[in-house]
Amino acid sequence: MFTKKGDSGETDVIRKRVGKDSPLVNFLGDLDELNSFLGMAYLKAKWDDIKRDIERLQHEIFIIGEDVSTGNNKIDQNFVKWIEERTVEYRKESGPVRLFVIPGGGECGASVHIARAVCRRVERNTVKYSKELEPFNKWIIVYLNRASSLLFSIAIVCNKRDNVSERIHDIGRYF
């Protein structure tokens, strides 16, 4: 689909014309990229609980975009609490991880690691955007921070369920 309205370097965001190089459009683009990688992780997941949690994250990423575009501030401590609870559950299954895990493993684990890394980048960029898009819902930064932790835990569990051993980086071994 195309409308040709964006050919001049502007786009519509909640019935307003804004430049495609604006902080808001960059932020929404980062969220779209994260959601796309989450979609790949969802596709690779074989387990209902993981699929369900990834799908929920995807819906909540849309809510974040809506929050920033409209100022509705739906993302709050309850969204963060759910992520923390799910992270604890996955950590119970995976056991403690105390070393540097080299991202990879099976298809599911590797795709979730990619989504996690993208989520971390989105979090870093969000800190910058939050200063340019005031007022900004502070819970969004907290949410993205916890979401990347949840994705790390999910990646570890995917690999465990796939019987793929984690590769560990041994500090000092290579240099």
C-alpha atoms as a PDB file:
ATOM      1  CA  MET A   1       0.000   0.000   0.000  1.00  0.00           C
ATOM      2  CA  PHE A   2       1.172   3.541  -0.665  1.00  0.00           C
ATOM      3  CA  THR A   3      -0.399   6.968  -0.394  1.00  0.00           C
ATOM      4  CA  LYS A   4       2.420   9.123  -1.813  1.00  0.00           C
ATOM      5  CA  LYS A   5       1.897  11.485   1.150  1.00  0.00           C
ATOM      6  CA  GLY A   6       5.340  10.633   2.510  1.00  0.00           C
ATOM      7  CA  ASP A   7       7.242  11.503  -0.641  1.00  0.00           C
ATOM      8  CA  SER A   8       8.072  14.968   0.706  1.00  0.00           C
ATOM      9  CA  GLY A   9       9.825  13.626   3.816  1.00  0.00           C
ATOM     10  CA  GLU A  10       6.871  13.950   6.164  1.00  0.00           C
ATOM     11  CA  THR A  11       4.434  11.423   7.553  1.00  0.00           C
ATOM     12  CA  ASP A  12       1.204  11.364   9.560  1.00  0.00           C
ATOM     13  CA  VAL A  13       1.367  10.482  13.241  1.00  0.00           C
ATOM     14  CA  ILE A  14      -1.973  10.683  15.033  1.00  0.00           C
ATOM     15  CA  ARG A  15      -3.388  13.142  12.485  1.00  0.00           C
ATOM     16  CA  LYS A  16      -0.319  15.410  12.564  1.00  0.00           C
ATOM     17  CA  ARG A  17       2.283  15.884   9.840  1.00  0.00           C
ATOM     18  CA  VAL A  18       5.808  15.420  11.168  1.00  0.00           C
ATOM     19  CA  GLY A  19       9.202  15.107   9.531  1.00  0.00           C
ATOM     20  CA  LYS A  20      10.445  11.580   8.983  1.00  0.00           C
ATOM     21  CA  ASP A  21      13.673  12.643  10.699  1.00  0.00           C
ATOM     22  CA  SER A  22      11.862  13.770  13.873  1.00  0.00           C
ATOM     23  CA  PRO A  23      12.617  12.121  17.235  1.00  0.00           C
ATOM     24  CA  LEU A  24       9.056  10.786  17.334  1.00  0.00           C
ATOM     25  CA  VAL A  25       9.286   9.062  13.951  1.00  0.00           C
ATOM     26  CA  ASN A  26      12.720   7.671  14.821  1.00  0.00           C
ATOM     27  CA  PHE A  27      11.338   6.330  18.098  1.00  0.00           C
ATOM     28  CA  LEU A  28       8.350   4.727  16.378  1.00  0.00           C
ATOM     29  CA  GLY A  29      10.696   3.211  13.781  1.00  0.00           C
ATOM     30  CA  ASP A  30      12.855   1.715  16.531  1.00  0.00           C
ATOM     31  CA  LEU A  31       9.747   0.185  18.102  1.00  0.00           C
ATOM     32  CA  ASP A  32       8.693  -1.223  14.725  1.00  0.00           C
ATOM     33  CA  GLU A  33      12.104  -2.827  14.258  1.00  0.00           C
ATOM     34  CA  LEU A  34      11.950  -4.358  17.738  1.00  0.00           C
ATOM     35  CA  ASN A  35       8.443  -5.649  17.099  1.00  0.00           C
ATOM     36  CA  SER A  36       9.576  -7.217  13.816  1.00  0.00           C
ATOM     37  CA  PHE A  37      12.412  -9.081  15.533  1.00  0.00           C
ATOM     38  CA  LEU A  38       9.985 -10.187  18.233  1.00  0.00           C
ATOM     39  CA  GLY A  39       7.800 -11.509  15.411  1.00  0.00           C
ATOM     40  CA  MET A  40      10.711 -13.607  14.154  1.00  0.00           C
ATOM     41  CA  ALA A  41      11.318 -14.903  17.679  1.00  0.00           C
ATOM     42  CA  TYR A  42       7.623 -15.768  17.964  1.00  0.00           C
ATOM     43  CA  LEU A  43       7.850 -17.700  14.708  1.00  0.00           C
ATOM     44  CA  LYS A  44      10.850 -19.702  15.960  1.00  0.00           C
ATOM     45  CA  ALA A  45       9.358 -20.459  19.403  1.00  0.00           C
ATOM     46  CA  LYS A  46       7.977 -23.970  19.871  1.00  0.00           C
ATOM     47  CA  TRP A  47       6.399 -23.538  23.296  1.00  0.00           C
ATOM     48  CA  ASP A  48       3.047 -21.958  24.103  1.00  0.00           C
ATOM     49  CA  ASP A  49       4.249 -20.033  27.165  1.00  0.00           C
ATOM     50  CA  ILE A  50       7.084 -18.420  25.235  1.00  0.00           C
ATOM     51  CA  LYS A  51       4.857 -17.655  22.244  1.00  0.00           C
ATOM     52  CA  ARG A  52       2.261 -16.131  24.556  1.00  0.00           C
ATOM     53  CA  ASP A  53       4.819 -13.942  26.338  1.00  0.00           C
ATOM     54  CA  ILE A  54       6.445 -12.751  23.113  1.00  0.00           C
ATOM     55  CA  GLU A  55       3.047 -11.936  21.640  1.00  0.00           C
ATOM     56  CA  ARG A  56       2.142  -9.936  24.729  1.00  0.00           C
ATOM     57  CA  LEU A  57       5.394  -7.984  24.401  1.00  0.00           C
ATOM     58  CA  GLN A  58       4.512  -7.259  20.774  1.00  0.00           C
ATOM     59  CA  HIS A  59       1.119  -5.839  21.730  1.00  0.00           C
ATOM     60  CA  GLU A  60       2.693  -3.783  24.492  1.00  0.00           C
ATOM     61  CA  ILE A  61       5.264  -2.351  22.070  1.00  0.00           C
ATOM     62  CA  PHE A  62       2.301  -0.966  20.099  1.00  0.00           C
ATOM     63  CA  ILE A  63       0.936   0.520  23.324  1.00  0.00           C
ATOM     64  CA  ILE A  64       4.291   2.232  23.929  1.00  0.00           C
ATOM     65  CA  GLY A  65       4.096   3.806  20.481  1.00  0.00           C
ATOM     66  CA  GLU A  66       0.568   4.962  21.222  1.00  0.00           C
ATOM     67  CA  ASP A  67       1.674   6.371  24.595  1.00  0.00           C
ATOM     68  CA  VAL A  68       4.395   8.494  23.057  1.00  0.00           C
ATOM     69  CA  SER A  69       2.247   9.602  20.127  1.00  0.00           C
ATOM     70  CA  THR A  70      -0.787  10.583  22.203  1.00  0.00           C
ATOM     71  CA  GLY A  71       0.481  11.165  25.743  1.00  0.00           C
ATOM     72  CA  ASN A  72      -1.986   8.596  27.115  1.00  0.00           C
ATOM     73  CA  ASN A  73       0.606   6.989  29.441  1.00  0.00           C
ATOM     74  CA  LYS A  74      -0.954   3.521  29.591  1.00  0.00           C
ATOM     75  CA  ILE A  75       2.412   1.870  30.289  1.00  0.00           C
ATOM     76  CA  ASP A  76       2.832   1.858  34.063  1.00  0.00           C
ATOM     77  CA  GLN A  77       4.210  -0.180  36.951  1.00  0.00           C
ATOM     78  CA  ASN A  78       1.679  -2.962  36.291  1.00  0.00           C
ATOM     79  CA  PHE A  79       3.202  -3.651  32.865  1.00  0.00           C
ATOM     80  CA  VAL A  80       6.669  -3.696  34.465  1.00  0.00           C
ATOM     81  CA  LYS A  81       5.456  -5.983  37.272  1.00  0.00           C
ATOM     82  CA  TRP A  82       4.216  -8.574  34.756  1.00  0.00           C
ATOM     83  CA  ILE A  83       7.614  -8.588  33.017  1.00  0.00           C
ATOM     84  CA  GLU A  84       9.420  -9.001  36.333  1.00  0.00           C
ATOM     85  CA  GLU A  85       7.152 -11.902  37.321  1.00  0.00           C
ATOM     86  CA  ARG A  86       7.691 -13.679  33.997  1.00  0.00           C
ATOM     87  CA  THR A  87      11.461 -13.128  34.218  1.00  0.00           C
ATOM     88  CA  VAL A  88      11.511 -14.741  37.668  1.00  0.00           C
ATOM     89  CA  GLU A  89       9.595 -17.751  36.324  1.00  0.00           C
ATOM     90  CA  TYR A  90      12.008 -18.254  33.423  1.00  0.00           C
ATOM     91  CA  ARG A  91      15.013 -17.804  35.722  1.00  0.00           C
ATOM     92  CA  LYS A  92      13.641 -20.562  37.971  1.00  0.00           C
ATOM     93  CA  GLU A  93      13.634 -22.867  34.957  1.00  0.00           C
ATOM     94  CA  SER A  94      17.033 -21.839  33.614  1.00  0.00           C
ATOM     95  CA  GLY A  95      18.871 -21.651  36.915  1.00  0.00           C
ATOM     96  CA  PRO A  96      21.464 -18.983  37.629  1.00  0.00           C
ATOM     97  CA  VAL A  97      23.513 -17.543  34.790  1.00  0.00           C
ATOM     98  CA  ARG A  98      26.672 -15.951  36.162  1.00  0.00           C
ATOM     99  CA  LEU A  99      28.938 -15.775  33.165  1.00  0.00           C
ATOM    100  CA  PHE A 100      28.951 -13.993  29.833  1.00  0.00           C
ATOM    101  CA  VAL A 101      26.739 -15.983  27.478  1.00  0.00           C
ATOM    102  CA  ILE A 102      27.702 -15.813  23.807  1.00  0.00           C
ATOM    103  CA  PRO A 103      24.426 -15.126  21.968  1.00  0.00           C
ATOM    104  CA  GLY A 104      23.307 -17.993  19.791  1.00  0.00           C
ATOM    105  CA  GLY A 105      22.181 -21.524  20.475  1.00  0.00           C
ATOM    106  CA  GLY A 106      19.197 -23.002  18.710  1.00  0.00           C
ATOM    107  CA  GLU A 107      16.981 -21.103  16.277  1.00  0.00           C
ATOM    108  CA  CYS A 108      14.592 -19.936  18.971  1.00  0.00           C
ATOM    109  CA  GLY A 109      17.308 -18.884  21.413  1.00  0.00           C
ATOM    110  CA  ALA A 110      19.321 -17.088  18.753  1.00  0.00           C
ATOM    111  CA  SER A 111      16.310 -15.185  17.428  1.00  0.00           C
ATOM    112  CA  VAL A 112      15.313 -14.125  20.948  1.00  0.00           C
ATOM    113  CA  HIS A 113      18.903 -12.967  21.582  1.00  0.00           C
ATOM    114  CA  ILE A 114      18.656 -10.754  18.487  1.00  0.00           C
ATOM    115  CA  ALA A 115      15.370  -9.290  19.736  1.00  0.00           C
ATOM    116  CA  ARG A 116      17.024  -8.728  23.137  1.00  0.00           C
ATOM    117  CA  ALA A 117      19.947  -6.857  21.592  1.00  0.00           C
ATOM    118  CA  VAL A 118      17.570  -4.704  19.534  1.00  0.00           C
ATOM    119  CA  CYS A 119      15.521  -4.049  22.677  1.00  0.00           C
ATOM    120  CA  ARG A 120      18.673  -2.817  24.455  1.00  0.00           C
ATOM    121  CA  ARG A 121      19.395  -0.446  21.581  1.00  0.00           C
ATOM    122  CA  VAL A 122      15.825   0.815  21.617  1.00  0.00           C
ATOM    123  CA  GLU A 123      16.189   1.390  25.366  1.00  0.00           C
ATOM    124  CA  ARG A 124      19.383   3.421  24.852  1.00  0.00           C
ATOM    125  CA  ASN A 125      17.792   5.489  22.096  1.00  0.00           C
ATOM    126  CA  THR A 126      14.677   5.974  24.215  1.00  0.00           C
ATOM    127  CA  VAL A 127      16.737   7.710  26.884  1.00  0.00           C
ATOM    128  CA  LYS A 128      17.803  10.214  24.208  1.00  0.00           C
ATOM    129  CA  TYR A 129      14.312  10.548  22.739  1.00  0.00           C
ATOM    130  CA  SER A 130      12.777  11.036  26.195  1.00  0.00           C
ATOM    131  CA  LYS A 131      14.677  14.317  26.512  1.00  0.00           C
ATOM    132  CA  GLU A 132      13.371  15.507  23.144  1.00  0.00           C
ATOM    133  CA  LEU A 133       9.781  14.280  23.482  1.00  0.00           C
ATOM    134  CA  GLU A 134       8.792  15.792  26.814  1.00  0.00           C
ATOM    135  CA  PRO A 135       6.609  15.094  28.613  1.00  0.00           C
ATOM    136  CA  PHE A 136       7.693  11.449  28.440  1.00  0.00           C
ATOM    137  CA  ASN A 137       6.294   8.488  30.363  1.00  0.00           C
ATOM    138  CA  LYS A 138       9.207   7.353  32.570  1.00  0.00           C
ATOM    139  CA  TRP A 139       7.761   3.844  32.776  1.00  0.00           C
ATOM    140  CA  ILE A 140       8.606   3.252  29.116  1.00  0.00           C
ATOM    141  CA  ILE A 141      12.351   3.271  29.843  1.00  0.00           C
ATOM    142  CA  VAL A 142      11.841   0.974  32.838  1.00  0.00           C
ATOM    143  CA  TYR A 143       9.644  -1.296  30.701  1.00  0.00           C
ATOM    144  CA  LEU A 144      12.244  -1.610  27.937  1.00  0.00           C
ATOM    145  CA  ASN A 145      14.982  -2.305  30.481  1.00  0.00           C
ATOM    146  CA  ARG A 146      12.978  -5.132  32.026  1.00  0.00           C
ATOM    147  CA  ALA A 147      11.841  -6.418  28.624  1.00  0.00           C
ATOM    148  CA  SER A 148      15.444  -6.974  27.562  1.00  0.00           C
ATOM    149  CA  SER A 149      16.064  -8.911  30.793  1.00  0.00           C
ATOM    150  CA  LEU A 150      12.979 -11.009  30.106  1.00  0.00           C
ATOM    151  CA  LEU A 151      14.168 -11.692  26.573  1.00  0.00           C
ATOM    152  CA  PHE A 152      17.576 -12.790  27.883  1.00  0.00           C
ATOM    153  CA  SER A 153      15.850 -15.242  30.225  1.00  0.00           C
ATOM    154  CA  ILE A 154      13.601 -16.505  27.440  1.00  0.00           C
ATOM    155  CA  ALA A 155      16.621 -17.057  25.156  1.00  0.00           C
ATOM    156  CA  ILE A 156      18.353 -19.127  27.839  1.00  0.00           C
ATOM    157  CA  VAL A 157      15.192 -21.190  28.402  1.00  0.00           C
ATOM    158  CA  CYS A 158      14.707 -21.714  24.643  1.00  0.00           C
ATOM    159  CA  ASN A 159      18.209 -23.148  24.415  1.00  0.00           C
ATOM    160  CA  LYS A 160      17.698 -25.296  27.497  1.00  0.00           C
ATOM    161  CA  ARG A 161      14.441 -26.709  26.126  1.00  0.00           C
ATOM    162  CA  ASP A 162      16.159 -27.332  22.788  1.00  0.00           C
ATOM    163  CA  ASN A 163      18.983 -29.148  24.641  1.00  0.00           C
ATOM    164  CA  VAL A 164      21.525 -26.663  23.299  1.00  0.00           C
ATOM    165  CA  SER A 165      24.369 -25.837  25.656  1.00  0.00           C
ATOM    166  CA  GLU A 166      25.167 -22.180  26.163  1.00  0.00           C
ATOM    167  CA  ARG A 167      28.549 -21.054  24.934  1.00  0.00           C
ATOM    168  CA  ILE A 168      30.323 -19.046  27.602  1.00  0.00           C
ATOM    169  CA  HIS A 169      32.891 -16.308  27.069  1.00  0.00           C
ATOM    170  CA  ASP A 170      35.877 -16.914  29.331  1.00  0.00           C
ATOM    171  CA  ILE A 171      37.215 -13.489  30.275  1.00  0.00           C
ATOM    172  CA  GLY A 172      40.940 -13.278  29.606  1.00  0.00           C
ATOM    173  CA  ARG A 173      41.144 -16.488  27.604  1.00  0.00           C
ATOM    174  CA  TYR A 174      41.469 -14.938  24.149  1.00  0.00           C
ATOM    175  CA  PHE A 175      43.750 -11.965  24.776  1.00  0.00           C
END
